[in-house]
PDB file of N, CA and C in Angstrom:
ATOM      1  N   UNK A   1     -53.923-240.619  62.526  1.00  0.00           N
ATOM      2  CA  UNK A   1     -53.697-240.764  63.881  1.00  0.00           C
ATOM      3  C   UNK A   1     -52.220-240.529  64.251  1.00  0.00           C
ATOM      4  N   UNK A   2     -51.305-240.680  63.079  1.00  0.00           N
ATOM      5  CA  UNK A   2     -49.876-240.235  63.336  1.00  0.00           C
ATOM      6  C   UNK A   2     -49.650-238.712  64.006  1.00  0.00           C
ATOM      7  N   UNK A   3     -50.437-237.906  63.552  1.00  0.00           N
ATOM      8  CA  UNK A   3     -50.409-236.650  63.927  1.00  0.00           C
ATOM      9  C   UNK A   3     -50.756-236.436  65.484  1.00  0.00           C
ATOM     10  N   UNK A   4     -51.643-237.165  65.970  1.00  0.00           N
ATOM     11  CA  UNK A   4     -51.919-237.170  67.377  1.00  0.00           C
ATOM     12  C   UNK A   4     -50.894-237.774  68.298  1.00  0.00           C
ATOM     13  N   UNK A   5     -50.176-238.788  67.739  1.00  0.00           N
ATOM     14  CA  UNK A   5     -49.036-239.223  68.464  1.00  0.00           C
ATOM     15  C   UNK A   5     -47.885-238.304  68.409  1.00  0.00           C
ATOM     16  N   UNK A   6     -47.782-237.772  67.195  1.00  0.00           N
ATOM     17  CA  UNK A   6     -46.570-236.646  67.117  1.00  0.00           C
ATOM     18  C   UNK A   6     -46.680-235.411  68.105  1.00  0.00           C
ATOM     19  N   UNK A   7     -47.927-235.001  68.046  1.00  0.00           N
ATOM     20  CA  UNK A   7     -48.467-233.913  68.878  1.00  0.00           C
ATOM     21  C   UNK A   7     -48.123-234.322  70.543  1.00  0.00           C
ATOM     22  N   UNK A   8     -48.765-235.421  70.951  1.00  0.00           N
ATOM     23  CA  UNK A   8     -48.554-235.942  72.322  1.00  0.00           C
ATOM     24  C   UNK A   8     -47.139-236.077  72.781  1.00  0.00           C
ATOM     25  N   UNK A   9     -46.207-236.321  71.674  1.00  0.00           N
ATOM     26  CA  UNK A   9     -44.716-236.509  71.971  1.00  0.00           C
ATOM     27  C   UNK A   9     -44.132-235.294  71.605  1.00  0.00           C
ATOM     28  N   UNK A  10     -44.686-234.087  71.448  1.00  0.00           N
ATOM     29  CA  UNK A  10     -43.920-232.763  71.309  1.00  0.00           C
ATOM     30  C   UNK A  10     -43.956-232.195  72.637  1.00  0.00           C
ATOM     31  N   UNK A  11     -43.204-231.325  72.760  1.00  0.00           N
ATOM     32  CA  UNK A  11     -42.932-230.404  74.056  1.00  0.00           C
ATOM     33  C   UNK A  11     -44.335-229.956  74.456  1.00  0.00           C
ATOM     34  N   UNK A  12     -45.245-229.258  73.519  1.00  0.00           N
ATOM     35  CA  UNK A  12     -46.435-228.848  73.882  1.00  0.00           C
ATOM     36  C   UNK A  12     -47.379-229.910  74.541  1.00  0.00           C
ATOM     37  N   UNK A  13     -47.409-231.064  73.914  1.00  0.00           N
ATOM     38  CA  UNK A  13     -48.226-232.381  74.329  1.00  0.00           C
ATOM     39  C   UNK A  13     -47.794-232.706  75.623  1.00  0.00           C
ATOM     40  N   UNK A  14     -46.431-232.640  75.921  1.00  0.00           N
ATOM     41  CA  UNK A  14     -45.941-233.150  77.239  1.00  0.00           C
ATOM     42  C   UNK A  14     -46.215-232.245  78.286  1.00  0.00           C
ATOM     43  N   UNK A  15     -46.236-230.814  77.982  1.00  0.00           N
ATOM     44  CA  UNK A  15     -46.568-229.958  78.938  1.00  0.00           C
ATOM     45  C   UNK A  15     -48.094-229.917  79.262  1.00  0.00           C
ATOM     46  N   UNK A  16     -49.003-230.320  78.188  1.00  0.00           N
ATOM     47  CA  UNK A  16     -50.325-230.336  78.459  1.00  0.00           C
ATOM     48  C   UNK A  16     -50.631-231.526  79.359  1.00  0.00           C
ATOM     49  N   UNK A  17     -50.003-232.746  79.084  1.00  0.00           N
ATOM     50  CA  UNK A  17     -50.153-233.881  79.780  1.00  0.00           C
ATOM     51  C   UNK A  17     -49.903-233.606  81.413  1.00  0.00           C
ATOM     52  N   UNK A  18     -48.488-233.021  81.545  1.00  0.00           N
ATOM     53  CA  UNK A  18     -48.127-232.875  82.884  1.00  0.00           C
ATOM     54  C   UNK A  18     -49.013-231.817  83.719  1.00  0.00           C
ATOM     55  N   UNK A  19     -49.561-230.815  83.109  1.00  0.00           N
ATOM     56  CA  UNK A  19     -50.464-229.947  83.645  1.00  0.00           C
ATOM     57  C   UNK A  19     -51.757-230.571  84.008  1.00  0.00           C
ATOM     58  N   UNK A  20     -52.368-231.407  83.064  1.00  0.00           N
ATOM     59  CA  UNK A  20     -53.503-232.165  83.263  1.00  0.00           C
ATOM     60  C   UNK A  20     -53.371-233.056  84.474  1.00  0.00           C
ATOM     61  N   UNK A  21     -52.308-233.779  84.476  1.00  0.00           N
ATOM     62  CA  UNK A  21     -51.941-234.580  85.655  1.00  0.00           C
ATOM     63  C   UNK A  21     -51.979-233.745  87.076  1.00  0.00           C
ATOM     64  N   UNK A  22     -51.251-232.836  86.921  1.00  0.00           N
ATOM     65  CA  UNK A  22     -51.157-232.003  88.275  1.00  0.00           C
ATOM     66  C   UNK A  22     -52.588-231.381  88.499  1.00  0.00           C
ATOM     67  N   UNK A  23     -53.373-231.022  87.632  1.00  0.00           N
ATOM     68  CA  UNK A  23     -54.861-230.501  87.926  1.00  0.00           C
ATOM     69  C   UNK A  23     -55.616-231.643  88.335  1.00  0.00           C
ATOM     70  N   UNK A  24     -55.546-232.851  87.820  1.00  0.00           N
ATOM     71  CA  UNK A  24     -56.303-234.078  88.338  1.00  0.00           C
ATOM     72  C   UNK A  24     -55.936-234.364  89.704  1.00  0.00           C
ATOM     73  N   UNK A  25     -54.636-234.397  90.223  1.00  0.00           N
ATOM     74  CA  UNK A  25     -54.176-234.662  91.376  1.00  0.00           C
ATOM     75  C   UNK A  25     -54.668-233.802  92.244  1.00  0.00           C
ATOM     76  N   UNK A  26     -54.618-232.440  91.973  1.00  0.00           N
ATOM     77  CA  UNK A  26     -55.127-231.411  93.051  1.00  0.00           C
ATOM     78  C   UNK A  26     -56.577-231.477  93.254  1.00  0.00           C
ATOM     79  N   UNK A  27     -57.267-231.786  92.098  1.00  0.00           N
ATOM     80  CA  UNK A  27     -58.800-231.833  92.369  1.00  0.00           C
ATOM     81  C   UNK A  27     -59.185-232.982  92.970  1.00  0.00           C
ATOM     82  N   UNK A  28     -58.425-234.200  92.798  1.00  0.00           N
ATOM     83  CA  UNK A  28     -58.693-235.410  93.733  1.00  0.00           C
ATOM     84  C   UNK A  28     -58.495-235.098  95.163  1.00  0.00           C
ATOM     85  N   UNK A  29     -57.504-234.574  95.534  1.00  0.00           N
ATOM     86  CA  UNK A  29     -56.901-234.323  96.840  1.00  0.00           C
ATOM     87  C   UNK A  29     -57.717-233.166  97.577  1.00  0.00           C
ATOM     88  N   UNK A  30     -58.134-232.151  96.971  1.00  0.00           N
ATOM     89  CA  UNK A  30     -58.888-230.941  97.490  1.00  0.00           C
ATOM     90  C   UNK A  30     -60.302-230.767  97.098  1.00  0.00           C
ATOM     91  N   UNK A  31     -60.680-231.226  95.937  1.00  0.00           N
ATOM     92  CA  UNK A  31     -62.087-231.129  95.642  1.00  0.00           C
ATOM     93  C   UNK A  31     -63.142-232.152  95.941  1.00  0.00           C
ATOM     94  N   UNK A  32     -62.426-233.443  96.030  1.00  0.00           N
ATOM     95  CA  UNK A  32     -63.284-234.493  96.324  1.00  0.00           C
ATOM     96  C   UNK A  32     -63.007-235.335  97.642  1.00  0.00           C
ATOM     97  N   UNK A  33     -63.825-236.056  98.282  1.00  0.00           N
ATOM     98  CA  UNK A  33     -63.572-236.555  99.563  1.00  0.00           C
ATOM     99  C   UNK A  33     -63.723-238.153  99.423  1.00  0.00           C
ATOM    100  N   UNK A  34     -63.001-238.819 100.087  1.00  0.00           N
ATOM    101  CA  UNK A  34     -63.064-240.240 100.235  1.00  0.00           C
ATOM    102  C   UNK A  34     -62.301-240.869  99.116  1.00  0.00           C
ATOM    103  N   UNK A  35     -62.668-241.971  98.865  1.00  0.00           N
ATOM    104  CA  UNK A  35     -62.093-242.926  97.805  1.00  0.00           C
ATOM    105  C   UNK A  35     -62.065-242.264  96.501  1.00  0.00           C
ATOM    106  N   UNK A  36     -63.209-241.630  96.042  1.00  0.00           N
ATOM    107  CA  UNK A  36     -63.195-240.803  94.801  1.00  0.00           C
ATOM    108  C   UNK A  36     -61.956-239.984  94.611  1.00  0.00           C
ATOM    109  N   UNK A  37     -61.668-239.300  95.486  1.00  0.00           N
ATOM    110  CA  UNK A  37     -60.583-238.454  95.406  1.00  0.00           C
ATOM    111  C   UNK A  37     -59.241-239.074  95.142  1.00  0.00           C
ATOM    112  N   UNK A  38     -58.961-240.082  95.862  1.00  0.00           N
ATOM    113  CA  UNK A  38     -57.958-240.980  95.588  1.00  0.00           C
ATOM    114  C   UNK A  38     -57.884-241.494  94.361  1.00  0.00           C
ATOM    115  N   UNK A  39     -59.035-241.934  93.839  1.00  0.00           N
ATOM    116  CA  UNK A  39     -59.060-242.421  92.535  1.00  0.00           C
ATOM    117  C   UNK A  39     -58.641-241.631  91.486  1.00  0.00           C
ATOM    118  N   UNK A  40     -59.354-240.263  91.526  1.00  0.00           N
ATOM    119  CA  UNK A  40     -58.982-239.226  90.513  1.00  0.00           C
ATOM    120  C   UNK A  40     -57.497-238.715  90.642  1.00  0.00           C
ATOM    121  N   UNK A  41     -57.017-238.666  91.804  1.00  0.00           N
ATOM    122  CA  UNK A  41     -55.346-238.448  92.024  1.00  0.00           C
ATOM    123  C   UNK A  41     -54.640-239.480  91.331  1.00  0.00           C
ATOM    124  N   UNK A  42     -55.056-240.813  91.504  1.00  0.00           N
ATOM    125  CA  UNK A  42     -54.275-241.759  90.839  1.00  0.00           C
ATOM    126  C   UNK A  42     -54.356-241.820  89.460  1.00  0.00           C
ATOM    127  N   UNK A  43     -55.328-241.620  88.835  1.00  0.00           N
ATOM    128  CA  UNK A  43     -55.553-241.335  87.518  1.00  0.00           C
ATOM    129  C   UNK A  43     -54.703-240.194  86.930  1.00  0.00           C
ATOM    130  N   UNK A  44     -54.812-239.172  87.891  1.00  0.00           N
ATOM    131  CA  UNK A  44     -53.990-237.899  87.424  1.00  0.00           C
ATOM    132  C   UNK A  44     -52.588-238.299  87.460  1.00  0.00           C
ATOM    133  N   UNK A  45     -52.034-239.275  88.221  1.00  0.00           N
ATOM    134  CA  UNK A  45     -50.680-239.434  88.065  1.00  0.00           C
ATOM    135  C   UNK A  45     -50.210-240.202  86.621  1.00  0.00           C
ATOM    136  N   UNK A  46     -51.144-240.629  85.906  1.00  0.00           N
ATOM    137  CA  UNK A  46     -50.813-241.348  84.621  1.00  0.00           C
ATOM    138  C   UNK A  46     -50.229-240.346  83.688  1.00  0.00           C
ATOM    139  N   UNK A  47     -51.060-239.152  83.292  1.00  0.00           N
ATOM    140  CA  UNK A  47     -50.558-238.333  82.453  1.00  0.00           C
ATOM    141  C   UNK A  47     -49.288-237.596  83.094  1.00  0.00           C
ATOM    142  N   UNK A  48     -49.362-237.345  84.253  1.00  0.00           N
ATOM    143  CA  UNK A  48     -48.155-236.696  84.910  1.00  0.00           C
ATOM    144  C   UNK A  48     -46.839-237.474  84.514  1.00  0.00           C
ATOM    145  N   UNK A  49     -46.943-238.640  84.937  1.00  0.00           N
ATOM    146  CA  UNK A  49     -45.758-239.461  84.795  1.00  0.00           C
ATOM    147  C   UNK A  49     -45.470-239.692  83.182  1.00  0.00           C
ATOM    148  N   UNK A  50     -46.402-240.027  82.395  1.00  0.00           N
ATOM    149  CA  UNK A  50     -45.952-240.072  80.877  1.00  0.00           C
ATOM    150  C   UNK A  50     -45.538-238.968  80.368  1.00  0.00           C
ATOM    151  N   UNK A  51     -46.021-237.864  80.752  1.00  0.00           N
ATOM    152  CA  UNK A  51     -45.534-236.637  80.153  1.00  0.00           C
ATOM    153  C   UNK A  51     -44.072-236.422  80.613  1.00  0.00           C
ATOM    154  N   UNK A  52     -43.863-236.518  82.021  1.00  0.00           N
ATOM    155  CA  UNK A  52     -42.478-236.468  82.549  1.00  0.00           C
ATOM    156  C   UNK A  52     -41.423-237.369  82.111  1.00  0.00           C
ATOM    157  N   UNK A  53     -41.908-238.561  81.863  1.00  0.00           N
ATOM    158  CA  UNK A  53     -41.090-239.629  81.412  1.00  0.00           C
ATOM    159  C   UNK A  53     -40.829-239.636  79.785  1.00  0.00           C
ATOM    160  N   UNK A  54     -41.603-238.799  79.147  1.00  0.00           N
ATOM    161  CA  UNK A  54     -41.476-238.701  77.778  1.00  0.00           C
ATOM    162  C   UNK A  54     -41.883-239.900  77.002  1.00  0.00           C
ATOM    163  N   UNK A  55     -43.114-240.643  77.371  1.00  0.00           N
ATOM    164  CA  UNK A  55     -43.572-241.777  76.758  1.00  0.00           C
ATOM    165  C   UNK A  55     -44.999-241.596  76.488  1.00  0.00           C
ATOM    166  N   UNK A  56     -45.471-242.109  75.357  1.00  0.00           N
ATOM    167  CA  UNK A  56     -46.871-241.984  75.010  1.00  0.00           C
ATOM    168  C   UNK A  56     -47.698-243.314  74.954  1.00  0.00           C
ATOM    169  N   UNK A  57     -48.481-243.621  75.796  1.00  0.00           N
ATOM    170  CA  UNK A  57     -49.148-244.936  76.006  1.00  0.00           C
ATOM    171  C   UNK A  57     -50.031-245.370  74.795  1.00  0.00           C
ATOM    172  N   UNK A  58     -50.536-244.514  74.124  1.00  0.00           N
ATOM    173  CA  UNK A  58     -51.343-244.558  72.760  1.00  0.00           C
ATOM    174  C   UNK A  58     -50.406-245.037  71.554  1.00  0.00           C
ATOM    175  N   UNK A  59     -49.169-244.515  71.678  1.00  0.00           N
ATOM    176  CA  UNK A  59     -48.325-244.845  70.442  1.00  0.00           C
ATOM    177  C   UNK A  59     -48.244-246.139  69.865  1.00  0.00           C
ATOM    178  N   UNK A  60     -47.764-247.065  70.854  1.00  0.00           N
ATOM    179  CA  UNK A  60     -47.766-248.518  70.374  1.00  0.00           C
ATOM    180  C   UNK A  60     -49.139-249.117  69.743  1.00  0.00           C
ATOM    181  N   UNK A  61     -50.013-248.515  70.165  1.00  0.00           N
ATOM    182  CA  UNK A  61     -51.385-249.125  69.715  1.00  0.00           C
ATOM    183  C   UNK A  61     -51.546-248.591  68.298  1.00  0.00           C
ATOM    184  N   UNK A  62     -51.006-247.387  67.869  1.00  0.00           N
ATOM    185  CA  UNK A  62     -50.921-246.843  66.551  1.00  0.00           C
ATOM    186  C   UNK A  62     -49.883-247.073  65.713  1.00  0.00           C
ATOM    187  N   UNK A  63     -48.940-247.941  66.094  1.00  0.00           N
ATOM    188  CA  UNK A  63     -47.855-248.331  65.441  1.00  0.00           C
ATOM    189  C   UNK A  63     -46.688-247.486  65.524  1.00  0.00           C
ATOM    190  N   UNK A  64     -46.428-246.777  66.535  1.00  0.00           N
ATOM    191  CA  UNK A  64     -45.341-245.889  66.736  1.00  0.00           C
ATOM    192  C   UNK A  64     -44.648-246.403  67.978  1.00  0.00           C
ATOM    193  N   UNK A  65     -43.341-245.800  68.256  1.00  0.00           N
ATOM    194  CA  UNK A  65     -42.534-246.256  69.274  1.00  0.00           C
ATOM    195  C   UNK A  65     -43.044-245.570  70.785  1.00  0.00           C
ATOM    196  N   UNK A  66     -42.841-246.399  71.824  1.00  0.00           N
ATOM    197  CA  UNK A  66     -43.560-245.855  72.983  1.00  0.00           C
ATOM    198  C   UNK A  66     -42.761-244.555  73.528  1.00  0.00           C
ATOM    199  N   UNK A  67     -41.498-244.534  73.222  1.00  0.00           N
ATOM    200  CA  UNK A  67     -40.643-243.335  73.732  1.00  0.00           C
ATOM    201  C   UNK A  67     -40.866-242.201  72.828  1.00  0.00           C
ATOM    202  N   UNK A  68     -41.199-240.956  73.279  1.00  0.00           N
ATOM    203  CA  UNK A  68     -41.358-239.835  72.796  1.00  0.00           C
ATOM    204  C   UNK A  68     -40.205-239.378  71.671  1.00  0.00           C
ATOM    205  N   UNK A  69     -39.066-239.568  72.196  1.00  0.00           N
ATOM    206  CA  UNK A  69     -37.957-239.244  71.347  1.00  0.00           C
ATOM    207  C   UNK A  69     -37.782-239.889  70.121  1.00  0.00           C
ATOM    208  N   UNK A  70     -38.104-241.068  70.182  1.00  0.00           N
ATOM    209  CA  UNK A  70     -38.055-242.058  68.930  1.00  0.00           C
ATOM    210  C   UNK A  70     -39.131-241.568  68.072  1.00  0.00           C
ATOM    211  N   UNK A  71     -40.483-241.243  68.646  1.00  0.00           N
ATOM    212  CA  UNK A  71     -41.500-240.701  67.808  1.00  0.00           C
ATOM    213  C   UNK A  71     -40.923-239.565  66.996  1.00  0.00           C
ATOM    214  N   UNK A  72     -40.348-238.663  67.640  1.00  0.00           N
ATOM    215  CA  UNK A  72     -39.927-237.383  67.195  1.00  0.00           C
ATOM    216  C   UNK A  72     -38.913-237.533  65.970  1.00  0.00           C
ATOM    217  N   UNK A  73     -38.112-238.638  66.034  1.00  0.00           N
ATOM    218  CA  UNK A  73     -37.151-238.726  65.092  1.00  0.00           C
ATOM    219  C   UNK A  73     -37.370-239.835  63.944  1.00  0.00           C
ATOM    220  N   UNK A  74     -38.468-240.472  64.046  1.00  0.00           N
ATOM    221  CA  UNK A  74     -39.079-241.272  63.170  1.00  0.00           C
ATOM    222  C   UNK A  74     -39.683-240.538  61.807  1.00  0.00           C
ATOM    223  N   UNK A  75     -39.681-241.124  60.821  1.00  0.00           N
ATOM    224  CA  UNK A  75     -40.216-240.590  59.601  1.00  0.00           C
ATOM    225  C   UNK A  75     -41.786-240.770  59.382  1.00  0.00           C
ATOM    226  N   UNK A  76     -42.216-241.763  59.989  1.00  0.00           N
ATOM    227  CA  UNK A  76     -43.625-242.138  59.926  1.00  0.00           C
ATOM    228  C   UNK A  76     -44.505-241.423  61.037  1.00  0.00           C
TER     229      UNK A  76
END
């Protein structure tokens, strides 16, 4: 699982999270109506913000630092 955290903390992982977040937000606001659209857009904000802020929410659950820069510099 360390490779998953390392990938999500890499530039490619961050870009994928940012794009996925933007996609979910756009889909929520344009493709869905009512409360479901707002819910999907709200969920999309999570990967957008974590990618932008360089944090990985799964990392502490797997024994790694929350901040992506610290994951990239760690040995484990």
